């Protein structure tokens, strides 16, 4: 990767390593370009400090300063959110390597300080799915298909749990999602997810088209939100994933689009 950050500080090298890892994990080129821009502006503001010296107040101040330095870039709330997502993702990655507290866990939004749900990254997703797949759990195929659907589509919990057999068209690799308001949309099913869903349905789980795709103990009732959350917590613990990850953790597809294969 061509270096875009001037200087040889540890923060510059860390930013380069972070972007290189994004490329290795097939993040969208447009997302990588956007993160390059944000980091090229953010890193100079933290140079000279270690990650243990930085806290949430420092990052909020840095974001505020960048908005003043580049008013044309950060006028819209969506642009500010992209900057915050970059900040969270980079410092989460940095803190995991340094084994220190993540200073970006608390980012000030309008009206005060809130705790943002941390995203789940590709390696964490793969570890979770691999743990489920290689287990002896009775519901492993259902759970792998359910959490793979979250990871590869970015659907909300309720949207995934209300899917029915008829919503999945394997031949066309499409999934019909029905929203709360009654509207619907078709989303593409990428190859890794299609393979998991087909394996799940081919192993005796392909029932009536009116049945729910992810059922509980009763084949005619959908898995509840509480049940889905409990299953995620179980697999997160077995996979030794960070406790701050929840079933609501936005997968990379929500803000770092994975390359379609």
C-alpha atoms as a PDB file:
ATOM      1  CA  UNK A   1       0.000   0.000   0.000  1.00  0.00           C
ATOM      2  CA  UNK A   2       1.314   3.411  -0.934  1.00  0.00           C
ATOM      3  CA  UNK A   3       2.064   5.481   2.146  1.00  0.00           C
ATOM      4  CA  UNK A   4      -0.158   8.507   2.524  1.00  0.00           C
ATOM      5  CA  UNK A   5       0.720   9.607   6.058  1.00  0.00           C
ATOM      6  CA  UNK A   6       3.840  11.669   6.470  1.00  0.00           C
ATOM      7  CA  UNK A   7       6.223  10.865   9.281  1.00  0.00           C
ATOM      8  CA  UNK A   8       7.452   7.661  10.873  1.00  0.00           C
ATOM      9  CA  UNK A   9       5.684   7.813  14.228  1.00  0.00           C
ATOM     10  CA  UNK A  10       4.115   4.712  15.726  1.00  0.00           C
ATOM     11  CA  UNK A  11       0.672   6.178  15.005  1.00  0.00           C
ATOM     12  CA  UNK A  12       1.497   6.592  11.317  1.00  0.00           C
ATOM     13  CA  UNK A  13       2.733   3.005  11.143  1.00  0.00           C
ATOM     14  CA  UNK A  14      -0.344   1.800  13.003  1.00  0.00           C
ATOM     15  CA  UNK A  15      -2.630   3.602  10.559  1.00  0.00           C
ATOM     16  CA  UNK A  16      -0.790   1.979   7.644  1.00  0.00           C
ATOM     17  CA  UNK A  17      -1.110  -1.464   9.247  1.00  0.00           C
ATOM     18  CA  UNK A  18      -4.811  -0.908   9.950  1.00  0.00           C
ATOM     19  CA  UNK A  19      -5.518   0.056   6.335  1.00  0.00           C
ATOM     20  CA  UNK A  20      -3.480  -2.891   5.073  1.00  0.00           C
ATOM     21  CA  UNK A  21      -5.597  -5.219   7.183  1.00  0.00           C
ATOM     22  CA  UNK A  22      -8.742  -3.660   5.736  1.00  0.00           C
ATOM     23  CA  UNK A  23      -7.445  -4.491   2.256  1.00  0.00           C
ATOM     24  CA  UNK A  24      -6.632  -8.069   3.254  1.00  0.00           C
ATOM     25  CA  UNK A  25     -10.173  -8.480   4.584  1.00  0.00           C
ATOM     26  CA  UNK A  26     -11.665  -7.287   1.275  1.00  0.00           C
ATOM     27  CA  UNK A  27     -13.247  -4.076   2.497  1.00  0.00           C
ATOM     28  CA  UNK A  28     -14.730  -1.881  -0.210  1.00  0.00           C
ATOM     29  CA  UNK A  29     -12.116   0.348  -1.932  1.00  0.00           C
ATOM     30  CA  UNK A  30     -14.356   3.376  -1.387  1.00  0.00           C
ATOM     31  CA  UNK A  31     -14.439   2.680   2.355  1.00  0.00           C
ATOM     32  CA  UNK A  32     -10.653   2.303   2.523  1.00  0.00           C
ATOM     33  CA  UNK A  33     -10.204   5.583   0.648  1.00  0.00           C
ATOM     34  CA  UNK A  34     -12.557   7.350   3.071  1.00  0.00           C
ATOM     35  CA  UNK A  35     -10.737   5.904   6.088  1.00  0.00           C
ATOM     36  CA  UNK A  36      -7.390   6.998   4.621  1.00  0.00           C
ATOM     37  CA  UNK A  37      -8.648  10.554   4.462  1.00  0.00           C
ATOM     38  CA  UNK A  38     -10.012  10.555   8.016  1.00  0.00           C
ATOM     39  CA  UNK A  39      -6.883   8.966   9.481  1.00  0.00           C
ATOM     40  CA  UNK A  40      -4.568  11.362   7.622  1.00  0.00           C
ATOM     41  CA  UNK A  41      -6.344  14.162   9.491  1.00  0.00           C
ATOM     42  CA  UNK A  42      -6.789  12.401  12.830  1.00  0.00           C
ATOM     43  CA  UNK A  43      -3.324  10.908  13.386  1.00  0.00           C
ATOM     44  CA  UNK A  44      -1.430  14.235  13.561  1.00  0.00           C
ATOM     45  CA  UNK A  45      -3.682  15.248  16.456  1.00  0.00           C
ATOM     46  CA  UNK A  46      -2.618  12.254  18.583  1.00  0.00           C
ATOM     47  CA  UNK A  47       1.069  12.091  17.652  1.00  0.00           C
ATOM     48  CA  UNK A  48       3.341  12.159  20.680  1.00  0.00           C
ATOM     49  CA  UNK A  49       0.868  10.264  22.883  1.00  0.00           C
ATOM     50  CA  UNK A  50       0.481   6.565  23.615  1.00  0.00           C
ATOM     51  CA  UNK A  51      -2.896   4.897  23.473  1.00  0.00           C
ATOM     52  CA  UNK A  52      -2.851   4.682  27.287  1.00  0.00           C
ATOM     53  CA  UNK A  53      -2.530   8.473  27.407  1.00  0.00           C
ATOM     54  CA  UNK A  54      -5.639   9.009  25.267  1.00  0.00           C
ATOM     55  CA  UNK A  55      -9.166   9.007  26.624  1.00  0.00           C
ATOM     56  CA  UNK A  56     -12.632   9.608  25.261  1.00  0.00           C
ATOM     57  CA  UNK A  57     -12.412  13.329  26.034  1.00  0.00           C
ATOM     58  CA  UNK A  58      -9.280  13.613  23.872  1.00  0.00           C
ATOM     59  CA  UNK A  59     -10.997  11.931  20.936  1.00  0.00           C
ATOM     60  CA  UNK A  60     -14.129  14.047  21.258  1.00  0.00           C
ATOM     61  CA  UNK A  61     -11.907  17.145  21.288  1.00  0.00           C
ATOM     62  CA  UNK A  62     -10.037  15.877  18.212  1.00  0.00           C
ATOM     63  CA  UNK A  63     -13.290  15.292  16.335  1.00  0.00           C
ATOM     64  CA  UNK A  64     -14.498  18.761  17.289  1.00  0.00           C
ATOM     65  CA  UNK A  65     -11.225  20.286  16.106  1.00  0.00           C
ATOM     66  CA  UNK A  66     -11.396  18.444  12.765  1.00  0.00           C
ATOM     67  CA  UNK A  67     -14.893  19.789  12.185  1.00  0.00           C
ATOM     68  CA  UNK A  68     -13.527  23.322  12.619  1.00  0.00           C
ATOM     69  CA  UNK A  69     -10.454  22.644  10.479  1.00  0.00           C
ATOM     70  CA  UNK A  70     -12.448  21.084   7.628  1.00  0.00           C
ATOM     71  CA  UNK A  71     -15.945  22.652   7.791  1.00  0.00           C
ATOM     72  CA  UNK A  72     -16.729  21.682   4.209  1.00  0.00           C
ATOM     73  CA  UNK A  73     -16.089  17.994   4.899  1.00  0.00           C
ATOM     74  CA  UNK A  74     -18.025  17.609   8.130  1.00  0.00           C
ATOM     75  CA  UNK A  75     -21.134  19.730   7.720  1.00  0.00           C
ATOM     76  CA  UNK A  76     -23.637  16.894   7.411  1.00  0.00           C
ATOM     77  CA  UNK A  77     -24.356  14.527  10.336  1.00  0.00           C
ATOM     78  CA  UNK A  78     -23.698  11.539   8.068  1.00  0.00           C
ATOM     79  CA  UNK A  79     -20.161  12.802   7.362  1.00  0.00           C
ATOM     80  CA  UNK A  80     -19.494  13.254  11.076  1.00  0.00           C
ATOM     81  CA  UNK A  81     -20.767   9.714  11.714  1.00  0.00           C
ATOM     82  CA  UNK A  82     -18.331   8.345   9.139  1.00  0.00           C
ATOM     83  CA  UNK A  83     -15.504  10.119  10.940  1.00  0.00           C
ATOM     84  CA  UNK A  84     -16.674   8.650  14.255  1.00  0.00           C
ATOM     85  CA  UNK A  85     -16.944   5.142  12.759  1.00  0.00           C
ATOM     86  CA  UNK A  86     -13.385   5.445  11.491  1.00  0.00           C
ATOM     87  CA  UNK A  87     -12.207   6.613  14.906  1.00  0.00           C
ATOM     88  CA  UNK A  88     -13.974   3.746  16.677  1.00  0.00           C
ATOM     89  CA  UNK A  89     -12.760   1.070  14.292  1.00  0.00           C
ATOM     90  CA  UNK A  90      -9.144   2.254  14.312  1.00  0.00           C
ATOM     91  CA  UNK A  91      -8.841   2.640  18.087  1.00  0.00           C
ATOM     92  CA  UNK A  92     -10.635  -0.668  18.697  1.00  0.00           C
ATOM     93  CA  UNK A  93      -8.061  -2.358  16.455  1.00  0.00           C
ATOM     94  CA  UNK A  94      -5.160  -0.459  18.038  1.00  0.00           C
ATOM     95  CA  UNK A  95      -6.262  -1.184  21.618  1.00  0.00           C
ATOM     96  CA  UNK A  96      -6.677  -4.900  20.891  1.00  0.00           C
ATOM     97  CA  UNK A  97      -3.030  -5.144  19.833  1.00  0.00           C
ATOM     98  CA  UNK A  98      -1.771  -3.043  22.737  1.00  0.00           C
ATOM     99  CA  UNK A  99      -4.029  -4.876  25.211  1.00  0.00           C
ATOM    100  CA  UNK A 100      -5.299  -1.601  26.608  1.00  0.00           C
ATOM    101  CA  UNK A 101      -8.680   0.018  27.135  1.00  0.00           C
ATOM    102  CA  UNK A 102     -10.309   1.322  23.989  1.00  0.00           C
ATOM    103  CA  UNK A 103     -10.565   5.142  24.330  1.00  0.00           C
ATOM    104  CA  UNK A 104     -13.196   5.293  21.573  1.00  0.00           C
ATOM    105  CA  UNK A 105     -15.812   3.261  23.446  1.00  0.00           C
ATOM    106  CA  UNK A 106     -17.454   6.521  24.512  1.00  0.00           C
ATOM    107  CA  UNK A 107     -18.021   9.116  21.833  1.00  0.00           C
ATOM    108  CA  UNK A 108     -19.967  12.272  22.556  1.00  0.00           C
ATOM    109  CA  UNK A 109     -23.095  12.625  20.445  1.00  0.00           C
ATOM    110  CA  UNK A 110     -25.666  15.396  20.497  1.00  0.00           C
ATOM    111  CA  UNK A 111     -26.996  15.776  24.002  1.00  0.00           C
ATOM    112  CA  UNK A 112     -24.179  14.089  25.901  1.00  0.00           C
ATOM    113  CA  UNK A 113     -22.039  10.983  26.105  1.00  0.00           C
ATOM    114  CA  UNK A 114     -23.387   7.653  24.946  1.00  0.00           C
ATOM    115  CA  UNK A 115     -21.919   4.195  24.694  1.00  0.00           C
ATOM    116  CA  UNK A 116     -21.885   3.098  21.069  1.00  0.00           C
ATOM    117  CA  UNK A 117     -22.263  -0.536  20.069  1.00  0.00           C
ATOM    118  CA  UNK A 118     -18.920  -1.735  18.782  1.00  0.00           C
ATOM    119  CA  UNK A 119     -18.749  -3.373  15.334  1.00  0.00           C
ATOM    120  CA  UNK A 120     -17.845  -6.991  14.736  1.00  0.00           C
ATOM    121  CA  UNK A 121     -14.968  -7.524  12.310  1.00  0.00           C
ATOM    122  CA  UNK A 122     -14.399 -10.239   9.647  1.00  0.00           C
ATOM    123  CA  UNK A 123     -11.967 -12.329  11.713  1.00  0.00           C
ATOM    124  CA  UNK A 124     -14.376 -12.288  14.653  1.00  0.00           C
ATOM    125  CA  UNK A 125     -17.246 -13.322  12.393  1.00  0.00           C
ATOM    126  CA  UNK A 126     -15.227 -16.198  10.955  1.00  0.00           C
ATOM    127  CA  UNK A 127     -14.218 -17.367  14.439  1.00  0.00           C
ATOM    128  CA  UNK A 128     -17.838 -17.290  15.589  1.00  0.00           C
ATOM    129  CA  UNK A 129     -19.152 -19.223  12.587  1.00  0.00           C
ATOM    130  CA  UNK A 130     -16.316 -21.756  12.696  1.00  0.00           C
ATOM    131  CA  UNK A 131     -16.966 -22.420  16.387  1.00  0.00           C
ATOM    132  CA  UNK A 132     -20.644 -23.049  15.702  1.00  0.00           C
ATOM    133  CA  UNK A 133     -19.968 -25.225  12.633  1.00  0.00           C
ATOM    134  CA  UNK A 134     -17.496 -27.533  14.382  1.00  0.00           C
ATOM    135  CA  UNK A 135     -19.544 -27.964  17.548  1.00  0.00           C
ATOM    136  CA  UNK A 136     -21.803 -30.872  18.502  1.00  0.00           C
ATOM    137  CA  UNK A 137     -24.731 -28.608  19.368  1.00  0.00           C
ATOM    138  CA  UNK A 138     -28.122 -29.825  18.139  1.00  0.00           C
ATOM    139  CA  UNK A 139     -28.977 -26.393  16.707  1.00  0.00           C
ATOM    140  CA  UNK A 140     -25.575 -25.638  15.199  1.00  0.00           C
ATOM    141  CA  UNK A 141     -26.797 -25.547  11.576  1.00  0.00           C
ATOM    142  CA  UNK A 142     -29.630 -23.163  12.424  1.00  0.00           C
ATOM    143  CA  UNK A 143     -27.385 -20.904  14.504  1.00  0.00           C
ATOM    144  CA  UNK A 144     -24.661 -20.798  11.857  1.00  0.00           C
ATOM    145  CA  UNK A 145     -27.245 -19.861   9.209  1.00  0.00           C
ATOM    146  CA  UNK A 146     -28.841 -17.241  11.464  1.00  0.00           C
ATOM    147  CA  UNK A 147     -25.643 -15.465  12.510  1.00  0.00           C
ATOM    148  CA  UNK A 148     -24.188 -15.736   8.998  1.00  0.00           C
ATOM    149  CA  UNK A 149     -27.333 -13.970   7.755  1.00  0.00           C
ATOM    150  CA  UNK A 150     -26.706 -11.162  10.245  1.00  0.00           C
ATOM    151  CA  UNK A 151     -23.038 -10.933   9.307  1.00  0.00           C
ATOM    152  CA  UNK A 152     -23.356 -10.998   5.523  1.00  0.00           C
ATOM    153  CA  UNK A 153     -26.507  -8.898   5.119  1.00  0.00           C
ATOM    154  CA  UNK A 154     -26.532  -6.469   8.064  1.00  0.00           C
ATOM    155  CA  UNK A 155     -30.208  -7.225   8.727  1.00  0.00           C
ATOM    156  CA  UNK A 156     -31.746  -6.155  12.021  1.00  0.00           C
ATOM    157  CA  UNK A 157     -32.465  -8.906  14.502  1.00  0.00           C
ATOM    158  CA  UNK A 158     -36.235  -8.762  14.022  1.00  0.00           C
ATOM    159  CA  UNK A 159     -35.909  -8.685  10.225  1.00  0.00           C
ATOM    160  CA  UNK A 160     -33.885 -11.896  10.188  1.00  0.00           C
ATOM    161  CA  UNK A 161     -36.137 -13.716  12.655  1.00  0.00           C
ATOM    162  CA  UNK A 162     -39.285 -12.996  10.627  1.00  0.00           C
ATOM    163  CA  UNK A 163     -37.873 -14.482   7.414  1.00  0.00           C
ATOM    164  CA  UNK A 164     -39.855 -17.395   6.007  1.00  0.00           C
ATOM    165  CA  UNK A 165     -38.849 -20.231   3.711  1.00  0.00           C
ATOM    166  CA  UNK A 166     -40.496 -18.482   0.769  1.00  0.00           C
ATOM    167  CA  UNK A 167     -38.324 -15.390   1.346  1.00  0.00           C
ATOM    168  CA  UNK A 168     -35.175 -17.223   0.279  1.00  0.00           C
ATOM    169  CA  UNK A 169     -34.680 -17.990  -3.420  1.00  0.00           C
ATOM    170  CA  UNK A 170     -31.614 -20.180  -3.653  1.00  0.00           C
ATOM    171  CA  UNK A 171     -31.616 -20.375  -7.463  1.00  0.00           C
ATOM    172  CA  UNK A 172     -31.509 -16.586  -7.811  1.00  0.00           C
ATOM    173  CA  UNK A 173     -29.420 -16.035  -4.649  1.00  0.00           C
ATOM    174  CA  UNK A 174     -31.933 -13.508  -3.325  1.00  0.00           C
ATOM    175  CA  UNK A 175     -33.522 -12.850   0.043  1.00  0.00           C
ATOM    176  CA  UNK A 176     -36.807 -10.969   0.445  1.00  0.00           C
ATOM    177  CA  UNK A 177     -36.847  -8.818   3.576  1.00  0.00           C
ATOM    178  CA  UNK A 178     -40.102  -7.462   4.985  1.00  0.00           C
ATOM    179  CA  UNK A 179     -39.864  -4.290   7.080  1.00  0.00           C
ATOM    180  CA  UNK A 180     -41.996  -3.290  10.067  1.00  0.00           C
ATOM    181  CA  UNK A 181     -44.118  -1.013   7.920  1.00  0.00           C
ATOM    182  CA  UNK A 182     -45.054  -3.866   5.607  1.00  0.00           C
ATOM    183  CA  UNK A 183     -42.750  -2.883   2.766  1.00  0.00           C
ATOM    184  CA  UNK A 184     -40.302  -5.346   1.274  1.00  0.00           C
ATOM    185  CA  UNK A 185     -37.022  -5.390  -0.563  1.00  0.00           C
ATOM    186  CA  UNK A 186     -34.835  -8.003  -2.235  1.00  0.00           C
ATOM    187  CA  UNK A 187     -31.195  -8.250  -1.216  1.00  0.00           C
ATOM    188  CA  UNK A 188     -28.443 -10.342  -2.853  1.00  0.00           C
ATOM    189  CA  UNK A 189     -27.079 -13.404  -1.080  1.00  0.00           C
ATOM    190  CA  UNK A 190     -23.313 -13.654  -1.520  1.00  0.00           C
ATOM    191  CA  UNK A 191     -21.652 -17.039  -2.077  1.00  0.00           C
ATOM    192  CA  UNK A 192     -20.466 -17.707   1.505  1.00  0.00           C
ATOM    193  CA  UNK A 193     -23.944 -17.068   2.895  1.00  0.00           C
ATOM    194  CA  UNK A 194     -25.654 -19.044   0.115  1.00  0.00           C
ATOM    195  CA  UNK A 195     -23.493 -22.076   0.873  1.00  0.00           C
ATOM    196  CA  UNK A 196     -24.401 -21.915   4.569  1.00  0.00           C
ATOM    197  CA  UNK A 197     -28.127 -21.411   3.954  1.00  0.00           C
ATOM    198  CA  UNK A 198     -28.291 -24.215   1.377  1.00  0.00           C
ATOM    199  CA  UNK A 199     -26.469 -26.606   3.682  1.00  0.00           C
ATOM    200  CA  UNK A 200     -28.829 -25.717   6.513  1.00  0.00           C
ATOM    201  CA  UNK A 201     -31.953 -26.258   4.401  1.00  0.00           C
ATOM    202  CA  UNK A 202     -30.695 -29.392   2.663  1.00  0.00           C
ATOM    203  CA  UNK A 203     -30.153 -31.152   5.992  1.00  0.00           C
ATOM    204  CA  UNK A 204     -33.833 -31.751   6.655  1.00  0.00           C
ATOM    205  CA  UNK A 205     -34.755 -28.149   7.432  1.00  0.00           C
ATOM    206  CA  UNK A 206     -36.484 -27.308   4.142  1.00  0.00           C
ATOM    207  CA  UNK A 207     -40.141 -27.421   5.164  1.00  0.00           C
ATOM    208  CA  UNK A 208     -43.321 -25.593   4.097  1.00  0.00           C
ATOM    209  CA  UNK A 209     -42.694 -22.253   2.395  1.00  0.00           C
ATOM    210  CA  UNK A 210     -44.929 -20.561   4.949  1.00  0.00           C
ATOM    211  CA  UNK A 211     -42.770 -21.713   7.861  1.00  0.00           C
ATOM    212  CA  UNK A 212     -40.188 -19.450   9.436  1.00  0.00           C
ATOM    213  CA  UNK A 213     -36.612 -19.833   8.286  1.00  0.00           C
ATOM    214  CA  UNK A 214     -35.192 -19.846  11.817  1.00  0.00           C
ATOM    215  CA  UNK A 215     -37.425 -21.729  14.241  1.00  0.00           C
ATOM    216  CA  UNK A 216     -37.178 -22.645  17.903  1.00  0.00           C
ATOM    217  CA  UNK A 217     -38.268 -25.932  19.410  1.00  0.00           C
ATOM    218  CA  UNK A 218     -41.512 -25.753  17.468  1.00  0.00           C
ATOM    219  CA  UNK A 219     -41.135 -25.871  13.696  1.00  0.00           C
ATOM    220  CA  UNK A 220     -44.084 -23.505  13.285  1.00  0.00           C
ATOM    221  CA  UNK A 221     -42.811 -20.722  15.557  1.00  0.00           C
ATOM    222  CA  UNK A 222     -39.972 -18.312  14.874  1.00  0.00           C
ATOM    223  CA  UNK A 223     -37.035 -18.038  17.216  1.00  0.00           C
ATOM    224  CA  UNK A 224     -37.719 -15.151  19.594  1.00  0.00           C
ATOM    225  CA  UNK A 225     -35.439 -12.126  19.957  1.00  0.00           C
ATOM    226  CA  UNK A 226     -34.566 -13.215  23.482  1.00  0.00           C
ATOM    227  CA  UNK A 227     -33.710 -16.741  22.348  1.00  0.00           C
ATOM    228  CA  UNK A 228     -31.534 -15.407  19.534  1.00  0.00           C
ATOM    229  CA  UNK A 229     -29.704 -13.113  21.952  1.00  0.00           C
ATOM    230  CA  UNK A 230     -29.080 -15.979  24.393  1.00  0.00           C
ATOM    231  CA  UNK A 231     -27.677 -18.127  21.593  1.00  0.00           C
ATOM    232  CA  UNK A 232     -25.335 -15.340  20.518  1.00  0.00           C
ATOM    233  CA  UNK A 233     -24.043 -14.855  24.066  1.00  0.00           C
ATOM    234  CA  UNK A 234     -23.431 -18.594  24.338  1.00  0.00           C
ATOM    235  CA  UNK A 235     -21.402 -18.767  21.114  1.00  0.00           C
ATOM    236  CA  UNK A 236     -19.557 -15.532  21.904  1.00  0.00           C
ATOM    237  CA  UNK A 237     -18.306 -17.043  25.161  1.00  0.00           C
ATOM    238  CA  UNK A 238     -17.310 -20.341  23.556  1.00  0.00           C
ATOM    239  CA  UNK A 239     -15.525 -18.453  20.762  1.00  0.00           C
ATOM    240  CA  UNK A 240     -13.660 -16.295  23.329  1.00  0.00           C
ATOM    241  CA  UNK A 241     -14.840 -13.120  21.635  1.00  0.00           C
ATOM    242  CA  UNK A 242     -14.868  -9.759  23.496  1.00  0.00           C
ATOM    243  CA  UNK A 243     -17.764  -9.251  25.876  1.00  0.00           C
ATOM    244  CA  UNK A 244     -18.579  -5.850  24.378  1.00  0.00           C
ATOM    245  CA  UNK A 245     -19.812  -7.590  21.211  1.00  0.00           C
ATOM    246  CA  UNK A 246     -23.585  -8.048  21.187  1.00  0.00           C
ATOM    247  CA  UNK A 247     -26.151  -9.379  18.767  1.00  0.00           C
ATOM    248  CA  UNK A 248     -26.653  -5.714  17.811  1.00  0.00           C
ATOM    249  CA  UNK A 249     -22.967  -5.178  16.924  1.00  0.00           C
ATOM    250  CA  UNK A 250     -23.024  -3.822  13.364  1.00  0.00           C
ATOM    251  CA  UNK A 251     -21.277  -6.247  11.027  1.00  0.00           C
ATOM    252  CA  UNK A 252     -18.762  -4.906   8.550  1.00  0.00           C
ATOM    253  CA  UNK A 253     -21.387  -4.941   5.816  1.00  0.00           C
ATOM    254  CA  UNK A 254     -23.150  -1.988   7.476  1.00  0.00           C
ATOM    255  CA  UNK A 255     -20.252   0.424   7.181  1.00  0.00           C
ATOM    256  CA  UNK A 256     -17.453  -1.547   5.490  1.00  0.00           C
ATOM    257  CA  UNK A 257     -19.051  -3.319   2.539  1.00  0.00           C
ATOM    258  CA  UNK A 258     -17.530  -6.728   1.980  1.00  0.00           C
ATOM    259  CA  UNK A 259     -16.475  -7.505  -1.573  1.00  0.00           C
ATOM    260  CA  UNK A 260     -19.044  -9.518  -3.480  1.00  0.00           C
ATOM    261  CA  UNK A 261     -17.508 -12.758  -4.696  1.00  0.00           C
END
